[in-house]
């Protein structure tokens, strides 16, 4: 059974940065594309960014130019570097690969 565990969330001021991590129990990022999603209170879960096995990336318009998705296959870990954070980035962030989801990590952007 594959497990994904997110970490790195927290409270940050507008304009600040956070790096989220997604640790996988197996070497799944070699075999599956992965994505970061987020869900704000009262809203549906939305795609933030994806990365394929050959490192092709795709971003939601809201993330372009501010967020960077990456993977480290040696560490079985995926990352989401988030810069220039805005209050509207406040949400629970989830990582996903194939049918597997993490439990989420809360990101709050507030002064």
PDB file of N, CA and C in Angstrom:
ATOM      1  N   UNK A   1       0.835  -1.179   0.000  1.00  0.00           N
ATOM      2  CA  UNK A   1       0.000   0.000   0.000  1.00  0.00           C
ATOM      3  C   UNK A   1       0.887   1.251   0.000  1.00  0.00           C
ATOM      4  N   UNK A   2       0.670   2.105  -0.975  1.00  0.00           N
ATOM      5  CA  UNK A   2       1.446   3.337  -1.069  1.00  0.00           C
ATOM      6  C   UNK A   2       0.855   4.381  -0.138  1.00  0.00           C
ATOM      7  N   UNK A   3       1.726   5.101   0.537  1.00  0.00           N
ATOM      8  CA  UNK A   3       1.297   6.216   1.373  1.00  0.00           C
ATOM      9  C   UNK A   3       2.005   7.479   0.927  1.00  0.00           C
ATOM     10  N   UNK A   4       1.266   8.572   0.921  1.00  0.00           N
ATOM     11  CA  UNK A   4       1.803   9.890   0.626  1.00  0.00           C
ATOM     12  C   UNK A   4       1.600  10.761   1.854  1.00  0.00           C
ATOM     13  N   UNK A   5       2.650  11.410   2.293  1.00  0.00           N
ATOM     14  CA  UNK A   5       2.566  12.236   3.492  1.00  0.00           C
ATOM     15  C   UNK A   5       3.097  13.621   3.176  1.00  0.00           C
ATOM     16  N   UNK A   6       2.195  14.608   3.268  1.00  0.00           N
ATOM     17  CA  UNK A   6       2.585  15.992   3.026  1.00  0.00           C
ATOM     18  C   UNK A   6       3.114  16.631   4.305  1.00  0.00           C
ATOM     19  N   UNK A   7       3.975  17.614   4.127  1.00  0.00           N
ATOM     20  CA  UNK A   7       4.467  18.419   5.238  1.00  0.00           C
ATOM     21  C   UNK A   7       4.898  19.774   4.695  1.00  0.00           C
ATOM     22  N   UNK A   8       5.158  20.693   5.614  1.00  0.00           N
ATOM     23  CA  UNK A   8       5.681  21.991   5.213  1.00  0.00           C
ATOM     24  C   UNK A   8       4.678  23.122   5.221  1.00  0.00           C
ATOM     25  N   UNK A   9       3.426  22.814   5.501  1.00  0.00           N
ATOM     26  CA  UNK A   9       2.433  23.874   5.574  1.00  0.00           C
ATOM     27  C   UNK A   9       2.602  24.720   6.819  1.00  0.00           C
ATOM     28  N   UNK A  10       1.829  25.775   6.893  1.00  0.00           N
ATOM     29  CA  UNK A  10       1.903  26.644   8.051  1.00  0.00           C
ATOM     30  C   UNK A  10       1.305  27.997   7.781  1.00  0.00           C
ATOM     31  N   UNK A  11       1.568  28.910   8.691  1.00  0.00           N
ATOM     32  CA  UNK A  11       1.087  30.285   8.585  1.00  0.00           C
ATOM     33  C   UNK A  11       2.213  31.159   8.044  1.00  0.00           C
ATOM     34  N   UNK A  12       1.924  31.922   7.019  1.00  0.00           N
ATOM     35  CA  UNK A  12       2.921  32.795   6.418  1.00  0.00           C
ATOM     36  C   UNK A  12       2.259  34.114   6.042  1.00  0.00           C
ATOM     37  N   UNK A  13       3.031  35.171   6.074  1.00  0.00           N
ATOM     38  CA  UNK A  13       2.493  36.480   5.702  1.00  0.00           C
ATOM     39  C   UNK A  13       2.410  36.611   4.181  1.00  0.00           C
ATOM     40  N   UNK A  14       1.534  37.453   3.709  1.00  0.00           N
ATOM     41  CA  UNK A  14       1.473  37.703   2.260  1.00  0.00           C
ATOM     42  C   UNK A  14       2.847  38.114   1.731  1.00  0.00           C
ATOM     43  N   UNK A  15       3.187  37.553   0.584  1.00  0.00           N
ATOM     44  CA  UNK A  15       4.505  37.797   0.002  1.00  0.00           C
ATOM     45  C   UNK A  15       5.560  36.806   0.437  1.00  0.00           C
ATOM     46  N   UNK A  16       5.237  35.992   1.408  1.00  0.00           N
ATOM     47  CA  UNK A  16       6.195  35.012   1.908  1.00  0.00           C
ATOM     48  C   UNK A  16       6.256  33.751   1.070  1.00  0.00           C
ATOM     49  N   UNK A  17       7.062  32.804   1.544  1.00  0.00           N
ATOM     50  CA  UNK A  17       7.291  31.561   0.817  1.00  0.00           C
ATOM     51  C   UNK A  17       7.132  30.356   1.734  1.00  0.00           C
ATOM     52  N   UNK A  18       6.754  29.255   1.128  1.00  0.00           N
ATOM     53  CA  UNK A  18       6.724  27.965   1.801  1.00  0.00           C
ATOM     54  C   UNK A  18       7.150  26.903   0.804  1.00  0.00           C
ATOM     55  N   UNK A  19       7.734  25.829   1.318  1.00  0.00           N
ATOM     56  CA  UNK A  19       8.009  24.668   0.474  1.00  0.00           C
ATOM     57  C   UNK A  19       7.294  23.464   1.060  1.00  0.00           C
ATOM     58  N   UNK A  20       6.363  22.940   0.305  1.00  0.00           N
ATOM     59  CA  UNK A  20       5.653  21.736   0.709  1.00  0.00           C
ATOM     60  C   UNK A  20       6.411  20.507   0.216  1.00  0.00           C
ATOM     61  N   UNK A  21       6.366  19.468   1.009  1.00  0.00           N
ATOM     62  CA  UNK A  21       6.973  18.194   0.635  1.00  0.00           C
ATOM     63  C   UNK A  21       5.921  17.099   0.654  1.00  0.00           C
ATOM     64  N   UNK A  22       6.110  16.122  -0.201  1.00  0.00           N
ATOM     65  CA  UNK A  22       5.233  14.955  -0.256  1.00  0.00           C
ATOM     66  C   UNK A  22       6.128  13.727  -0.291  1.00  0.00           C
ATOM     67  N   UNK A  23       6.195  13.029   0.825  1.00  0.00           N
ATOM     68  CA  UNK A  23       7.038  11.846   0.930  1.00  0.00           C
ATOM     69  C   UNK A  23       6.218  10.610   0.607  1.00  0.00           C
ATOM     70  N   UNK A  24       6.729   9.809  -0.307  1.00  0.00           N
ATOM     71  CA  UNK A  24       6.038   8.585  -0.714  1.00  0.00           C
ATOM     72  C   UNK A  24       6.699   7.375  -0.060  1.00  0.00           C
ATOM     73  N   UNK A  25       5.866   6.380   0.242  1.00  0.00           N
ATOM     74  CA  UNK A  25       6.395   5.182   0.883  1.00  0.00           C
ATOM     75  C   UNK A  25       7.119   4.283  -0.096  1.00  0.00           C
ATOM     76  N   UNK A  26       6.877   4.515  -1.383  1.00  0.00           N
ATOM     77  CA  UNK A  26       7.559   3.748  -2.410  1.00  0.00           C
ATOM     78  C   UNK A  26       8.063   4.662  -3.506  1.00  0.00           C
ATOM     79  N   UNK A  27       8.777   4.064  -4.460  1.00  0.00           N
ATOM     80  CA  UNK A  27       9.392   4.864  -5.515  1.00  0.00           C
ATOM     81  C   UNK A  27       8.395   5.086  -6.651  1.00  0.00           C
ATOM     82  N   UNK A  28       7.269   5.705  -6.314  1.00  0.00           N
ATOM     83  CA  UNK A  28       6.190   5.788  -7.294  1.00  0.00           C
ATOM     84  C   UNK A  28       6.357   6.917  -8.281  1.00  0.00           C
ATOM     85  N   UNK A  29       7.157   7.921  -7.945  1.00  0.00           N
ATOM     86  CA  UNK A  29       7.266   9.050  -8.853  1.00  0.00           C
ATOM     87  C   UNK A  29       8.043   8.699 -10.120  1.00  0.00           C
ATOM     88  N   UNK A  30       8.743   7.559 -10.100  1.00  0.00           N
ATOM     89  CA  UNK A  30       9.389   7.087 -11.330  1.00  0.00           C
ATOM     90  C   UNK A  30       8.360   6.536 -12.306  1.00  0.00           C
ATOM     91  N   UNK A  31       7.206   6.145 -11.779  1.00  0.00           N
ATOM     92  CA  UNK A  31       6.236   5.420 -12.599  1.00  0.00           C
ATOM     93  C   UNK A  31       4.968   6.189 -12.877  1.00  0.00           C
ATOM     94  N   UNK A  32       4.685   7.215 -12.041  1.00  0.00           N
ATOM     95  CA  UNK A  32       3.444   7.944 -12.187  1.00  0.00           C
ATOM     96  C   UNK A  32       3.702   9.444 -12.180  1.00  0.00           C
ATOM     97  N   UNK A  33       2.892  10.135 -12.941  1.00  0.00           N
ATOM     98  CA  UNK A  33       2.868  11.581 -12.790  1.00  0.00           C
ATOM     99  C   UNK A  33       2.299  11.904 -11.414  1.00  0.00           C
ATOM    100  N   UNK A  34       2.647  13.064 -10.903  1.00  0.00           N
ATOM    101  CA  UNK A  34       2.084  13.458  -9.635  1.00  0.00           C
ATOM    102  C   UNK A  34       1.585  14.896  -9.718  1.00  0.00           C
ATOM    103  N   UNK A  35       0.726  15.218  -8.800  1.00  0.00           N
ATOM    104  CA  UNK A  35       0.178  16.553  -8.804  1.00  0.00           C
ATOM    105  C   UNK A  35      -0.049  17.092  -7.399  1.00  0.00           C
ATOM    106  N   UNK A  36      -0.075  18.386  -7.329  1.00  0.00           N
ATOM    107  CA  UNK A  36      -0.481  19.079  -6.101  1.00  0.00           C
ATOM    108  C   UNK A  36      -1.851  19.703  -6.358  1.00  0.00           C
ATOM    109  N   UNK A  37      -2.731  19.538  -5.399  1.00  0.00           N
ATOM    110  CA  UNK A  37      -4.067  20.083  -5.449  1.00  0.00           C
ATOM    111  C   UNK A  37      -4.296  20.879  -4.167  1.00  0.00           C
ATOM    112  N   UNK A  38      -5.318  21.708  -4.188  1.00  0.00           N
ATOM    113  CA  UNK A  38      -5.665  22.424  -2.975  1.00  0.00           C
ATOM    114  C   UNK A  38      -7.173  22.588  -2.875  1.00  0.00           C
ATOM    115  N   UNK A  39      -7.619  22.726  -1.646  1.00  0.00           N
ATOM    116  CA  UNK A  39      -9.041  22.933  -1.399  1.00  0.00           C
ATOM    117  C   UNK A  39      -9.202  23.982  -0.312  1.00  0.00           C
ATOM    118  N   UNK A  40      -9.838  25.067  -0.691  1.00  0.00           N
ATOM    119  CA  UNK A  40     -10.133  26.140   0.246  1.00  0.00           C
ATOM    120  C   UNK A  40     -11.509  25.894   0.863  1.00  0.00           C
ATOM    121  N   UNK A  41     -11.768  26.461   2.036  1.00  0.00           N
ATOM    122  CA  UNK A  41     -13.073  26.258   2.679  1.00  0.00           C
ATOM    123  C   UNK A  41     -14.217  26.662   1.766  1.00  0.00           C
ATOM    124  N   UNK A  42     -15.176  25.782   1.637  1.00  0.00           N
ATOM    125  CA  UNK A  42     -16.342  26.075   0.827  1.00  0.00           C
ATOM    126  C   UNK A  42     -16.132  25.969  -0.664  1.00  0.00           C
ATOM    127  N   UNK A  43     -14.956  25.532  -1.078  1.00  0.00           N
ATOM    128  CA  UNK A  43     -14.664  25.429  -2.507  1.00  0.00           C
ATOM    129  C   UNK A  43     -14.290  23.998  -2.869  1.00  0.00           C
ATOM    130  N   UNK A  44     -14.358  23.716  -4.160  1.00  0.00           N
ATOM    131  CA  UNK A  44     -13.968  22.397  -4.630  1.00  0.00           C
ATOM    132  C   UNK A  44     -12.443  22.285  -4.691  1.00  0.00           C
ATOM    133  N   UNK A  45     -11.985  21.044  -4.651  1.00  0.00           N
ATOM    134  CA  UNK A  45     -10.556  20.809  -4.793  1.00  0.00           C
ATOM    135  C   UNK A  45     -10.133  21.187  -6.207  1.00  0.00           C
ATOM    136  N   UNK A  46      -8.998  21.866  -6.317  1.00  0.00           N
ATOM    137  CA  UNK A  46      -8.532  22.314  -7.625  1.00  0.00           C
ATOM    138  C   UNK A  46      -7.073  21.940  -7.825  1.00  0.00           C
ATOM    139  N   UNK A  47      -6.740  21.756  -9.096  1.00  0.00           N
ATOM    140  CA  UNK A  47      -5.378  21.424  -9.458  1.00  0.00           C
ATOM    141  C   UNK A  47      -4.488  22.649  -9.319  1.00  0.00           C
ATOM    142  N   UNK A  48      -3.303  22.450  -8.759  1.00  0.00           N
ATOM    143  CA  UNK A  48      -2.324  23.521  -8.649  1.00  0.00           C
ATOM    144  C   UNK A  48      -1.201  23.316  -9.667  1.00  0.00           C
ATOM    145  N   UNK A  49      -0.635  22.118  -9.680  1.00  0.00           N
ATOM    146  CA  UNK A  49       0.497  21.842 -10.563  1.00  0.00           C
ATOM    147  C   UNK A  49       0.648  20.344 -10.742  1.00  0.00           C
ATOM    148  N   UNK A  50       1.206  19.952 -11.880  1.00  0.00           N
ATOM    149  CA  UNK A  50       1.505  18.551 -12.137  1.00  0.00           C
ATOM    150  C   UNK A  50       2.906  18.419 -12.710  1.00  0.00           C
ATOM    151  N   UNK A  51       3.457  17.218 -12.549  1.00  0.00           N
ATOM    152  CA  UNK A  51       4.758  16.910 -13.136  1.00  0.00           C
ATOM    153  C   UNK A  51       4.722  15.473 -13.619  1.00  0.00           C
ATOM    154  N   UNK A  52       5.186  15.256 -14.842  1.00  0.00           N
ATOM    155  CA  UNK A  52       5.180  13.919 -15.413  1.00  0.00           C
ATOM    156  C   UNK A  52       6.449  13.157 -15.010  1.00  0.00           C
ATOM    157  N   UNK A  53       6.497  11.885 -15.421  1.00  0.00           N
ATOM    158  CA  UNK A  53       7.673  11.063 -15.097  1.00  0.00           C
ATOM    159  C   UNK A  53       8.938  11.630 -15.722  1.00  0.00           C
ATOM    160  N   UNK A  54       8.780  12.313 -16.861  1.00  0.00           N
ATOM    161  CA  UNK A  54       9.953  12.895 -17.513  1.00  0.00           C
ATOM    162  C   UNK A  54      10.068  14.388 -17.238  1.00  0.00           C
ATOM    163  N   UNK A  55       9.474  14.791 -16.113  1.00  0.00           N
ATOM    164  CA  UNK A  55       9.662  16.136 -15.548  1.00  0.00           C
ATOM    165  C   UNK A  55       9.012  17.269 -16.349  1.00  0.00           C
ATOM    166  N   UNK A  56       8.030  16.952 -17.145  1.00  0.00           N
ATOM    167  CA  UNK A  56       7.267  18.029 -17.778  1.00  0.00           C
ATOM    168  C   UNK A  56       6.266  18.556 -16.770  1.00  0.00           C
ATOM    169  N   UNK A  57       6.192  19.855 -16.665  1.00  0.00           N
ATOM    170  CA  UNK A  57       5.345  20.473 -15.641  1.00  0.00           C
ATOM    171  C   UNK A  57       4.190  21.252 -16.254  1.00  0.00           C
ATOM    172  N   UNK A  58       3.164  21.400 -15.459  1.00  0.00           N
ATOM    173  CA  UNK A  58       1.995  22.172 -15.852  1.00  0.00           C
ATOM    174  C   UNK A  58       1.453  22.863 -14.613  1.00  0.00           C
ATOM    175  N   UNK A  59       0.998  24.098 -14.782  1.00  0.00           N
ATOM    176  CA  UNK A  59       0.545  24.873 -13.639  1.00  0.00           C
ATOM    177  C   UNK A  59      -0.820  25.494 -13.909  1.00  0.00           C
ATOM    178  N   UNK A  60      -1.594  25.613 -12.858  1.00  0.00           N
ATOM    179  CA  UNK A  60      -2.801  26.410 -12.931  1.00  0.00           C
ATOM    180  C   UNK A  60      -2.394  27.863 -13.151  1.00  0.00           C
ATOM    181  N   UNK A  61      -3.268  28.616 -13.780  1.00  0.00           N
ATOM    182  CA  UNK A  61      -2.949  30.023 -14.038  1.00  0.00           C
ATOM    183  C   UNK A  61      -2.603  30.759 -12.742  1.00  0.00           C
ATOM    184  N   UNK A  62      -3.268  30.397 -11.667  1.00  0.00           N
ATOM    185  CA  UNK A  62      -3.043  31.070 -10.390  1.00  0.00           C
ATOM    186  C   UNK A  62      -1.660  30.776  -9.818  1.00  0.00           C
ATOM    187  N   UNK A  63      -1.024  29.701 -10.284  1.00  0.00           N
ATOM    188  CA  UNK A  63       0.275  29.289  -9.760  1.00  0.00           C
ATOM    189  C   UNK A  63       1.445  29.667 -10.664  1.00  0.00           C
ATOM    190  N   UNK A  64       1.163  29.957 -11.896  1.00  0.00           N
ATOM    191  CA  UNK A  64       2.238  30.248 -12.849  1.00  0.00           C
ATOM    192  C   UNK A  64       3.088  31.432 -12.407  1.00  0.00           C
ATOM    193  N   UNK A  65       4.392  31.223 -12.466  1.00  0.00           N
ATOM    194  CA  UNK A  65       5.310  32.292 -12.117  1.00  0.00           C
ATOM    195  C   UNK A  65       5.594  32.423 -10.641  1.00  0.00           C
ATOM    196  N   UNK A  66       4.814  31.715  -9.815  1.00  0.00           N
ATOM    197  CA  UNK A  66       5.015  31.808  -8.361  1.00  0.00           C
ATOM    198  C   UNK A  66       5.358  30.465  -7.732  1.00  0.00           C
ATOM    199  N   UNK A  67       4.812  29.376  -8.268  1.00  0.00           N
ATOM    200  CA  UNK A  67       4.997  28.041  -7.698  1.00  0.00           C
ATOM    201  C   UNK A  67       5.875  27.211  -8.618  1.00  0.00           C
ATOM    202  N   UNK A  68       6.635  26.294  -8.009  1.00  0.00           N
ATOM    203  CA  UNK A  68       7.462  25.371  -8.770  1.00  0.00           C
ATOM    204  C   UNK A  68       7.296  23.968  -8.212  1.00  0.00           C
ATOM    205  N   UNK A  69       6.934  23.041  -9.085  1.00  0.00           N
ATOM    206  CA  UNK A  69       6.783  21.643  -8.693  1.00  0.00           C
ATOM    207  C   UNK A  69       8.028  20.871  -9.112  1.00  0.00           C
ATOM    208  N   UNK A  70       8.440  19.932  -8.280  1.00  0.00           N
ATOM    209  CA  UNK A  70       9.614  19.130  -8.600  1.00  0.00           C
ATOM    210  C   UNK A  70       9.535  17.802  -7.861  1.00  0.00           C
ATOM    211  N   UNK A  71      10.360  16.871  -8.283  1.00  0.00           N
ATOM    212  CA  UNK A  71      10.453  15.583  -7.599  1.00  0.00           C
ATOM    213  C   UNK A  71      11.920  15.216  -7.418  1.00  0.00           C
ATOM    214  N   UNK A  72      12.174  14.444  -6.385  1.00  0.00           N
ATOM    215  CA  UNK A  72      13.497  13.879  -6.139  1.00  0.00           C
ATOM    216  C   UNK A  72      13.280  12.373  -6.003  1.00  0.00           C
ATOM    217  N   UNK A  73      13.519  11.652  -7.076  1.00  0.00           N
ATOM    218  CA  UNK A  73      13.240  10.222  -7.066  1.00  0.00           C
ATOM    219  C   UNK A  73      14.125   9.470  -6.079  1.00  0.00           C
ATOM    220  N   UNK A  74      15.335   9.965  -5.855  1.00  0.00           N
ATOM    221  CA  UNK A  74      16.234   9.301  -4.909  1.00  0.00           C
ATOM    222  C   UNK A  74      15.664   9.351  -3.491  1.00  0.00           C
ATOM    223  N   UNK A  75      14.889  10.394  -3.215  1.00  0.00           N
ATOM    224  CA  UNK A  75      14.311  10.550  -1.883  1.00  0.00           C
ATOM    225  C   UNK A  75      12.832  10.196  -1.848  1.00  0.00           C
ATOM    226  N   UNK A  76      12.292   9.757  -2.995  1.00  0.00           N
ATOM    227  CA  UNK A  76      10.850   9.453  -3.081  1.00  0.00           C
ATOM    228  C   UNK A  76      10.007  10.617  -2.577  1.00  0.00           C
ATOM    229  N   UNK A  77      10.398  11.813  -2.946  1.00  0.00           N
ATOM    230  CA  UNK A  77       9.746  13.010  -2.425  1.00  0.00           C
ATOM    231  C   UNK A  77       9.441  13.983  -3.552  1.00  0.00           C
ATOM    232  N   UNK A  78       8.287  14.591  -3.460  1.00  0.00           N
ATOM    233  CA  UNK A  78       7.895  15.658  -4.376  1.00  0.00           C
ATOM    234  C   UNK A  78       7.785  16.954  -3.587  1.00  0.00           C
ATOM    235  N   UNK A  79       7.944  18.046  -4.299  1.00  0.00           N
ATOM    236  CA  UNK A  79       7.960  19.344  -3.639  1.00  0.00           C
ATOM    237  C   UNK A  79       7.062  20.327  -4.383  1.00  0.00           C
ATOM    238  N   UNK A  80       6.602  21.311  -3.637  1.00  0.00           N
ATOM    239  CA  UNK A  80       5.938  22.462  -4.226  1.00  0.00           C
ATOM    240  C   UNK A  80       6.517  23.695  -3.553  1.00  0.00           C
ATOM    241  N   UNK A  81       7.360  24.389  -4.285  1.00  0.00           N
ATOM    242  CA  UNK A  81       7.915  25.651  -3.789  1.00  0.00           C
ATOM    243  C   UNK A  81       6.925  26.756  -4.113  1.00  0.00           C
ATOM    244  N   UNK A  82       6.490  27.469  -3.100  1.00  0.00           N
ATOM    245  CA  UNK A  82       5.487  28.510  -3.280  1.00  0.00           C
ATOM    246  C   UNK A  82       6.069  29.844  -2.837  1.00  0.00           C
ATOM    247  N   UNK A  83       6.149  30.774  -3.771  1.00  0.00           N
ATOM    248  CA  UNK A  83       6.672  32.112  -3.493  1.00  0.00           C
ATOM    249  C   UNK A  83       5.582  33.154  -3.712  1.00  0.00           C
ATOM    250  N   UNK A  84       5.825  34.338  -3.205  1.00  0.00           N
ATOM    251  CA  UNK A  84       4.886  35.453  -3.381  1.00  0.00           C
ATOM    252  C   UNK A  84       3.465  35.042  -3.011  1.00  0.00           C
ATOM    253  N   UNK A  85       3.340  34.423  -1.866  1.00  0.00           N
ATOM    254  CA  UNK A  85       2.040  33.882  -1.464  1.00  0.00           C
ATOM    255  C   UNK A  85       1.024  34.987  -1.225  1.00  0.00           C
ATOM    256  N   UNK A  86      -0.226  34.672  -1.529  1.00  0.00           N
ATOM    257  CA  UNK A  86      -1.330  35.598  -1.394  1.00  0.00           C
ATOM    258  C   UNK A  86      -2.373  34.999  -0.454  1.00  0.00           C
ATOM    259  N   UNK A  87      -3.207  35.821   0.147  1.00  0.00           N
ATOM    260  CA  UNK A  87      -4.264  35.270   1.013  1.00  0.00           C
ATOM    261  C   UNK A  87      -5.151  34.252   0.295  1.00  0.00           C
ATOM    262  N   UNK A  88      -5.360  34.441  -0.986  1.00  0.00           N
ATOM    263  CA  UNK A  88      -6.197  33.499  -1.736  1.00  0.00           C
ATOM    264  C   UNK A  88      -5.533  32.153  -1.969  1.00  0.00           C
ATOM    265  N   UNK A  89      -4.263  32.020  -1.587  1.00  0.00           N
ATOM    266  CA  UNK A  89      -3.597  30.714  -1.643  1.00  0.00           C
ATOM    267  C   UNK A  89      -3.911  29.867  -0.404  1.00  0.00           C
ATOM    268  N   UNK A  90      -4.603  30.448   0.552  1.00  0.00           N
ATOM    269  CA  UNK A  90      -4.967  29.712   1.761  1.00  0.00           C
ATOM    270  C   UNK A  90      -5.850  28.520   1.421  1.00  0.00           C
ATOM    271  N   UNK A  91      -5.413  27.345   1.832  1.00  0.00           N
ATOM    272  CA  UNK A  91      -6.136  26.120   1.512  1.00  0.00           C
ATOM    273  C   UNK A  91      -5.418  24.941   2.162  1.00  0.00           C
ATOM    274  N   UNK A  92      -6.056  23.803   2.111  1.00  0.00           N
ATOM    275  CA  UNK A  92      -5.375  22.543   2.416  1.00  0.00           C
ATOM    276  C   UNK A  92      -4.788  22.029   1.105  1.00  0.00           C
ATOM    277  N   UNK A  93      -3.509  21.722   1.128  1.00  0.00           N
ATOM    278  CA  UNK A  93      -2.808  21.264  -0.069  1.00  0.00           C
ATOM    279  C   UNK A  93      -2.584  19.756   0.015  1.00  0.00           C
ATOM    280  N   UNK A  94      -2.899  19.088  -1.090  1.00  0.00           N
ATOM    281  CA  UNK A  94      -2.801  17.640  -1.162  1.00  0.00           C
ATOM    282  C   UNK A  94      -1.863  17.238  -2.296  1.00  0.00           C
ATOM    283  N   UNK A  95      -1.127  16.164  -2.086  1.00  0.00           N
ATOM    284  CA  UNK A  95      -0.383  15.586  -3.203  1.00  0.00           C
ATOM    285  C   UNK A  95      -1.095  14.314  -3.667  1.00  0.00           C
ATOM    286  N   UNK A  96      -0.909  14.029  -4.925  1.00  0.00           N
ATOM    287  CA  UNK A  96      -1.598  12.904  -5.548  1.00  0.00           C
ATOM    288  C   UNK A  96      -0.704  12.244  -6.568  1.00  0.00           C
ATOM    289  N   UNK A  97      -0.758  10.930  -6.604  1.00  0.00           N
ATOM    290  CA  UNK A  97      -0.122  10.149  -7.659  1.00  0.00           C
ATOM    291  C   UNK A  97      -1.032   8.966  -7.935  1.00  0.00           C
ATOM    292  N   UNK A  98      -1.480   8.876  -9.169  1.00  0.00           N
ATOM    293  CA  UNK A  98      -2.413   7.808  -9.582  1.00  0.00           C
ATOM    294  C   UNK A  98      -3.622   7.819  -8.635  1.00  0.00           C
ATOM    295  N   UNK A  99      -3.902   6.710  -7.970  1.00  0.00           N
ATOM    296  CA  UNK A  99      -5.067   6.633  -7.100  1.00  0.00           C
ATOM    297  C   UNK A  99      -4.775   7.041  -5.666  1.00  0.00           C
ATOM    298  N   UNK A 100      -3.545   7.424  -5.397  1.00  0.00           N
ATOM    299  CA  UNK A 100      -3.148   7.693  -4.017  1.00  0.00           C
ATOM    300  C   UNK A 100      -3.142   9.180  -3.694  1.00  0.00           C
ATOM    301  N   UNK A 101      -3.647   9.499  -2.501  1.00  0.00           N
ATOM    302  CA  UNK A 101      -3.714  10.871  -2.015  1.00  0.00           C
ATOM    303  C   UNK A 101      -3.081  10.953  -0.630  1.00  0.00           C
ATOM    304  N   UNK A 102      -2.466  12.098  -0.361  1.00  0.00           N
ATOM    305  CA  UNK A 102      -2.006  12.357   0.985  1.00  0.00           C
ATOM    306  C   UNK A 102      -3.144  12.895   1.840  1.00  0.00           C
ATOM    307  N   UNK A 103      -2.827  13.157   3.094  1.00  0.00           N
ATOM    308  CA  UNK A 103      -3.846  13.614   4.036  1.00  0.00           C
ATOM    309  C   UNK A 103      -4.030  15.121   4.003  1.00  0.00           C
ATOM    310  N   UNK A 104      -3.093  15.810   3.377  1.00  0.00           N
ATOM    311  CA  UNK A 104      -3.193  17.257   3.248  1.00  0.00           C
ATOM    312  C   UNK A 104      -2.380  18.005   4.288  1.00  0.00           C
ATOM    313  N   UNK A 105      -1.975  19.208   3.919  1.00  0.00           N
ATOM    314  CA  UNK A 105      -1.269  20.100   4.842  1.00  0.00           C
ATOM    315  C   UNK A 105      -1.851  21.497   4.679  1.00  0.00           C
ATOM    316  N   UNK A 106      -2.110  22.137   5.804  1.00  0.00           N
ATOM    317  CA  UNK A 106      -2.780  23.444   5.782  1.00  0.00           C
ATOM    318  C   UNK A 106      -1.783  24.552   5.485  1.00  0.00           C
ATOM    319  N   UNK A 107      -2.148  25.401   4.550  1.00  0.00           N
ATOM    320  CA  UNK A 107      -1.392  26.621   4.255  1.00  0.00           C
ATOM    321  C   UNK A 107      -2.311  27.802   4.511  1.00  0.00           C
ATOM    322  N   UNK A 108      -1.865  28.702   5.370  1.00  0.00           N
ATOM    323  CA  UNK A 108      -2.624  29.904   5.678  1.00  0.00           C
ATOM    324  C   UNK A 108      -1.759  31.118   5.403  1.00  0.00           C
ATOM    325  N   UNK A 109      -2.255  31.980   4.550  1.00  0.00           N
ATOM    326  CA  UNK A 109      -1.542  33.207   4.197  1.00  0.00           C
ATOM    327  C   UNK A 109      -2.323  34.374   4.783  1.00  0.00           C
ATOM    328  N   UNK A 110      -1.732  34.999   5.776  1.00  0.00           N
ATOM    329  CA  UNK A 110      -2.446  36.061   6.483  1.00  0.00           C
ATOM    330  C   UNK A 110      -1.455  36.946   7.208  1.00  0.00           C
ATOM    331  N   UNK A 111      -1.819  38.217   7.314  1.00  0.00           N
ATOM    332  CA  UNK A 111      -0.996  39.142   8.086  1.00  0.00           C
ATOM    333  C   UNK A 111      -1.501  39.235   9.526  1.00  0.00           C
TER     334      UNK A 111
END
